[in-house]
Amino acid sequence: VRRAAADEIMPRFRQLAAEDIVEKNGPHDLVTVADRLAEEQLTAALSALLPGSRVVGEEAVHADPTVLDALSGDAPVWIVDPVDGTRQFVHGDPGFATLVALAHRGEVLASWTYAPALDLMAVARRGAGAELNGVPLHTGTPAPRAVLDVAISHFDFTTDDQKRVLAALDTDGIAPRPCGSAGLEYLYVARGEIDATAFSWENSWDHAAGLLLVHEAGGASGTVAGRPFRIEGGNALPFTAARDAETARRILGLLAAAN
């Protein structure tokens, strides 16, 4: 992960030419040459690291949606977002990350969240905890009666109906704000810097790494249907990841009532 970022991402940070940036599904959905080349390098390296494994990368899925079928197969799967927060990357903001998760039969086993411009590497292993730059991570719990800081889906990427549901969090005791890089928002929950997230989309490459990170740091997550988030998709949305179970229940209760 570090090598791919060093080879393909950081040399292009704040050095992109106009022709290096392409719109995928609109002006807010961008991809750069760094995304594509980093994903290619990660795909080759990770496949070699675990023979027989598959790779589900954001750009590969954009080119061929059937790549997603690997998430429901029997082979181990690497889930890759080469540049999570491409908009931040394009605008020279250091708040972007490379996300990698290893899953098998729908269960995320390990994850890596690397913010190269911030020199942050968070690692989680199922049942073995989480750490940031080698130091154990713990979500802790919000202080009693504290206003909850919640990162929500950015309104540039939401439908009117999703905006209406997420607006339920604009209430006493909660301070919602638009999210940046989803992977980094999960890291902020894992280290207790913010209290929760509330997201209305389910792309596995955006969420698999961070959900394991939050869980292994002591946090909780769930969907508005009261079930765990499935990386294969088909989730009831929105869903949350929070510092503790009580915070997750509070967020989900408000969202479910508005859904």
Protein backbone atom coordinates (compact mmCIF):
# COMPACT_ATOMS: atom_id res chain seq x y z
CA VAL A 1 0.00 0.00 0.00
CA ARG A 2 2.79 2.40 0.89
CA ARG A 3 4.67 1.52 -2.29
CA ALA A 4 1.68 2.13 -4.56
CA ALA A 5 1.08 5.50 -2.95
CA ALA A 6 4.74 6.44 -3.23
CA ASP A 7 4.97 5.33 -6.87
CA GLU A 8 1.68 6.49 -8.35
CA ILE A 9 -0.17 8.86 -6.01
CA MET A 10 2.15 11.21 -4.19
CA PRO A 11 4.25 12.22 -7.24
CA ARG A 12 0.98 13.49 -8.76
CA PHE A 13 -0.36 15.23 -5.65
CA ARG A 14 -0.74 18.93 -6.48
CA GLN A 15 0.89 18.17 -9.86
CA LEU A 16 -2.15 17.05 -11.90
CA ALA A 17 -2.69 18.42 -15.37
CA ALA A 18 -6.20 18.95 -16.72
CA GLU A 19 -5.90 15.88 -18.92
CA ASP A 20 -5.08 13.75 -15.84
CA ILE A 21 -8.63 14.24 -14.46
CA VAL A 22 -11.79 12.69 -15.90
CA GLU A 23 -15.44 12.93 -14.84
CA LYS A 24 -17.11 9.53 -14.43
CA ASN A 25 -20.76 10.15 -13.57
CA GLY A 26 -20.82 13.91 -13.16
CA PRO A 27 -18.74 16.89 -12.05
CA HIS A 28 -18.38 15.61 -8.49
CA ASP A 29 -17.41 12.04 -9.45
CA LEU A 30 -13.81 12.27 -10.57
CA VAL A 31 -11.06 9.85 -11.43
CA THR A 32 -7.42 10.65 -12.07
CA VAL A 33 -4.48 8.89 -13.63
CA ALA A 34 -3.24 8.33 -10.07
CA ASP A 35 -6.39 6.35 -9.20
CA ARG A 36 -6.04 4.10 -12.23
CA LEU A 37 -2.31 3.43 -11.99
CA ALA A 38 -2.33 2.90 -8.21
CA GLU A 39 -5.18 0.41 -8.54
CA GLU A 40 -3.32 -1.46 -11.27
CA GLN A 41 -0.20 -1.70 -9.09
CA LEU A 42 -2.17 -2.79 -6.02
CA THR A 43 -4.11 -5.38 -8.03
CA ALA A 44 -0.91 -7.00 -9.29
CA ALA A 45 0.85 -6.90 -5.92
CA LEU A 46 -2.06 -8.13 -3.81
CA SER A 47 -2.94 -10.94 -6.22
CA ALA A 48 0.65 -12.15 -6.04
CA LEU A 49 0.68 -11.89 -2.25
CA LEU A 50 -2.27 -14.29 -1.92
CA PRO A 51 -2.44 -16.70 -4.86
CA GLY A 52 -6.00 -17.53 -5.87
CA SER A 53 -7.39 -14.31 -4.45
CA ARG A 54 -9.50 -11.86 -6.41
CA VAL A 55 -9.43 -8.05 -6.44
CA VAL A 56 -12.47 -5.77 -6.42
CA GLY A 57 -11.21 -2.28 -7.19
CA GLU A 58 -13.30 0.83 -7.67
CA GLU A 59 -11.99 1.57 -11.15
CA ALA A 60 -12.20 -2.07 -12.27
CA VAL A 61 -15.86 -2.15 -11.21
CA HIS A 62 -16.53 1.09 -13.08
CA ALA A 63 -15.15 -0.55 -16.23
CA ASP A 64 -16.87 -3.92 -15.63
CA PRO A 65 -19.60 -4.18 -12.96
CA THR A 66 -19.41 -8.00 -13.00
CA VAL A 67 -16.13 -7.67 -11.05
CA LEU A 68 -18.38 -7.20 -8.00
CA ASP A 69 -19.47 -10.83 -8.24
CA ALA A 70 -16.22 -11.82 -6.53
CA LEU A 71 -17.60 -10.45 -3.25
CA SER A 72 -20.11 -13.31 -3.20
CA GLY A 73 -17.65 -16.02 -4.27
CA ASP A 74 -15.53 -18.49 -2.32
CA ALA A 75 -12.11 -16.98 -3.07
CA PRO A 76 -10.49 -14.43 -0.76
CA VAL A 77 -11.08 -10.90 -2.06
CA TRP A 78 -9.00 -7.75 -1.80
CA ILE A 79 -11.26 -4.67 -1.83
CA VAL A 80 -9.39 -1.61 -3.10
CA ASP A 81 -10.09 2.11 -3.26
CA PRO A 82 -6.85 3.56 -4.68
CA VAL A 83 -7.69 7.18 -3.86
CA ASP A 84 -10.60 7.61 -1.47
CA GLY A 85 -11.42 11.29 -1.55
CA THR A 86 -10.46 11.93 -5.17
CA ARG A 87 -12.08 15.35 -5.03
CA GLN A 88 -9.80 16.32 -2.15
CA PHE A 89 -6.81 14.89 -4.02
CA VAL A 90 -7.66 16.88 -7.15
CA HIS A 91 -7.98 20.11 -5.15
CA GLY A 92 -4.67 19.65 -3.35
CA ASP A 93 -6.26 18.80 -0.01
CA PRO A 94 -4.26 16.18 1.94
CA GLY A 95 -7.46 14.55 3.26
CA PHE A 96 -7.46 11.49 0.99
CA ALA A 97 -6.54 7.87 1.58
CA THR A 98 -5.78 4.54 -0.01
CA LEU A 99 -8.10 1.83 1.35
CA VAL A 100 -7.49 -1.92 1.20
CA ALA A 101 -9.47 -4.66 2.89
CA LEU A 102 -9.18 -8.45 2.75
CA ALA A 103 -12.46 -10.35 2.90
CA HIS A 104 -13.57 -13.98 2.63
CA ARG A 105 -17.15 -15.12 2.13
CA GLY A 106 -18.50 -11.72 3.14
CA GLU A 107 -16.41 -11.31 6.28
CA VAL A 108 -13.73 -8.62 6.40
CA LEU A 109 -10.58 -10.10 7.93
CA ALA A 110 -8.10 -7.22 7.77
CA SER A 111 -7.87 -3.64 6.57
CA TRP A 112 -5.41 -0.89 5.82
CA THR A 113 -6.26 2.83 5.75
CA TYR A 114 -3.33 4.88 4.53
CA ALA A 115 -3.33 8.68 4.23
CA PRO A 116 0.04 9.28 2.54
CA ALA A 117 -0.07 13.09 2.64
CA LEU A 118 -0.82 12.96 6.38
CA ASP A 119 1.57 10.08 7.18
CA LEU A 120 -1.20 8.02 8.80
CA MET A 121 -1.43 4.22 8.51
CA ALA A 122 -4.27 2.50 10.34
CA VAL A 123 -4.38 -1.30 10.40
CA ALA A 124 -7.09 -3.60 11.73
CA ARG A 125 -7.26 -7.41 11.99
CA ARG A 126 -10.46 -9.21 12.92
CA GLY A 127 -10.26 -10.20 16.56
CA ALA A 128 -6.84 -8.63 17.03
CA GLY A 129 -7.60 -4.93 17.44
CA ALA A 130 -6.67 -1.82 15.51
CA GLU A 131 -3.74 0.54 15.53
CA LEU A 132 -2.65 3.84 14.04
CA ASN A 133 1.04 4.21 13.21
CA GLY A 134 1.71 1.31 15.56
CA VAL A 135 -0.29 2.69 18.51
CA PRO A 136 -3.49 0.87 19.58
CA LEU A 137 -6.73 2.62 18.65
CA HIS A 138 -9.72 2.91 20.99
CA THR A 139 -12.95 4.70 20.12
CA GLY A 140 -13.89 5.51 23.71
CA THR A 141 -17.38 6.82 24.36
CA PRO A 142 -18.88 10.30 23.97
CA ALA A 143 -19.01 12.39 27.12
CA PRO A 144 -22.44 12.42 28.82
CA ARG A 145 -24.78 14.99 27.23
CA ALA A 146 -22.08 15.99 24.74
CA VAL A 147 -23.18 17.16 21.30
CA LEU A 148 -22.41 14.34 18.87
CA ASP A 149 -20.15 15.17 15.91
CA VAL A 150 -21.48 13.10 12.99
CA ALA A 151 -20.08 12.96 9.45
CA ILE A 152 -22.86 12.35 6.93
CA SER A 153 -23.03 11.72 3.18
CA HIS A 154 -22.05 14.87 1.31
CA PHE A 155 -25.11 16.51 -0.20
CA ASP A 156 -23.35 16.71 -3.59
CA PHE A 157 -23.74 12.92 -3.76
CA THR A 158 -27.25 12.42 -2.35
CA THR A 159 -30.78 12.35 -3.72
CA ASP A 160 -33.54 14.56 -2.36
CA ASP A 161 -34.96 11.60 -0.45
CA GLN A 162 -31.59 10.80 1.09
CA LYS A 163 -31.18 14.45 2.09
CA ARG A 164 -34.58 14.32 3.79
CA VAL A 165 -33.66 11.24 5.83
CA LEU A 166 -30.22 12.53 6.79
CA ALA A 167 -31.82 15.83 7.87
CA ALA A 168 -33.27 13.90 10.81
CA LEU A 169 -29.83 14.19 12.39
CA ASP A 170 -30.05 17.99 12.39
CA THR A 171 -31.55 17.97 15.86
CA ASP A 172 -30.69 18.86 19.45
CA GLY A 173 -27.56 17.10 20.64
CA ILE A 174 -26.21 16.23 17.20
CA ALA A 175 -23.99 18.30 14.92
CA PRO A 176 -24.00 16.74 11.43
CA ARG A 177 -21.51 17.85 8.80
CA PRO A 178 -20.72 16.71 5.23
CA CYS A 179 -18.10 13.97 5.06
CA GLY A 180 -14.81 14.17 3.25
CA SER A 181 -12.92 10.96 2.53
CA ALA A 182 -15.12 8.18 3.94
CA GLY A 183 -12.06 6.16 4.90
CA LEU A 184 -10.66 9.00 6.97
CA GLU A 185 -14.02 9.65 8.64
CA TYR A 186 -13.96 6.03 9.84
CA LEU A 187 -10.46 6.61 11.17
CA TYR A 188 -11.67 9.70 13.04
CA VAL A 189 -14.40 7.58 14.66
CA ALA A 190 -11.88 4.86 15.52
CA ARG A 191 -9.66 7.32 17.36
CA GLY A 192 -12.57 9.13 19.04
CA GLU A 193 -12.14 12.38 17.14
CA ILE A 194 -15.73 12.29 15.87
CA ASP A 195 -18.64 10.29 17.25
CA ALA A 196 -20.31 8.64 14.25
CA THR A 197 -20.91 8.51 10.53
CA ALA A 198 -24.18 8.24 8.61
CA PHE A 199 -23.78 7.16 5.00
CA SER A 200 -26.40 6.60 2.31
CA TRP A 201 -24.33 4.65 -0.22
CA GLU A 202 -22.83 1.17 0.08
CA ASN A 203 -19.84 0.78 -2.27
CA SER A 204 -17.70 -1.85 -0.57
CA TRP A 205 -14.41 -0.12 -1.39
CA ASP A 206 -15.51 2.96 0.56
CA HIS A 207 -16.66 1.10 3.68
CA ALA A 208 -15.10 -2.34 4.16
CA ALA A 209 -11.78 -1.12 5.55
CA GLY A 210 -13.28 1.52 7.82
CA LEU A 211 -16.04 -0.62 9.29
CA LEU A 212 -13.53 -3.23 10.45
CA LEU A 213 -11.28 -0.46 11.79
CA VAL A 214 -14.09 1.00 13.89
CA HIS A 215 -15.19 -2.41 15.19
CA GLU A 216 -11.68 -3.46 16.16
CA ALA A 217 -11.18 -0.12 17.94
CA GLY A 218 -14.27 -0.85 20.07
CA GLY A 219 -17.02 0.82 18.06
CA ALA A 220 -20.32 -0.39 16.61
CA SER A 221 -22.22 -0.19 13.34
CA GLY A 222 -25.52 -1.14 11.76
CA THR A 223 -28.15 -0.35 9.14
CA VAL A 224 -31.59 1.17 9.57
CA ALA A 225 -33.02 -2.35 9.28
CA GLY A 226 -31.20 -3.32 12.47
CA ARG A 227 -28.85 -5.67 10.65
CA PRO A 228 -25.07 -5.60 10.10
CA PHE A 229 -23.74 -3.97 6.95
CA ARG A 230 -23.08 -6.50 4.17
CA ILE A 231 -20.12 -5.78 1.90
CA GLU A 232 -21.88 -7.69 -0.90
CA GLY A 233 -24.55 -4.99 -1.01
CA GLY A 234 -28.32 -5.04 -0.68
CA ASN A 235 -28.26 -3.09 2.57
CA ALA A 236 -31.08 -1.02 4.04
CA LEU A 237 -29.73 2.53 3.97
CA PRO A 238 -28.56 4.76 5.56
CA PHE A 239 -26.20 3.00 7.97
CA THR A 240 -23.89 4.16 10.71
CA ALA A 241 -20.57 3.46 12.37
CA ALA A 242 -20.16 4.94 15.84
CA ARG A 243 -17.87 5.07 18.83
CA ASP A 244 -20.17 2.85 20.88
CA ALA A 245 -23.38 0.83 20.61
CA GLU A 246 -25.53 3.44 22.35
CA THR A 247 -24.47 6.14 19.90
CA ALA A 248 -25.14 3.80 16.97
CA ARG A 249 -28.64 3.05 18.33
CA ARG A 250 -29.40 6.75 18.70
CA ILE A 251 -28.30 7.58 15.17
CA LEU A 252 -30.15 4.62 13.65
CA GLY A 253 -33.30 5.40 15.59
CA LEU A 254 -33.48 8.90 14.15
CA LEU A 255 -32.71 7.70 10.62
CA ALA A 256 -35.19 4.84 10.75
CA ALA A 257 -37.96 7.14 11.94
CA ALA A 258 -37.38 9.40 8.95
CA ASN A 259 -36.89 6.60 6.41
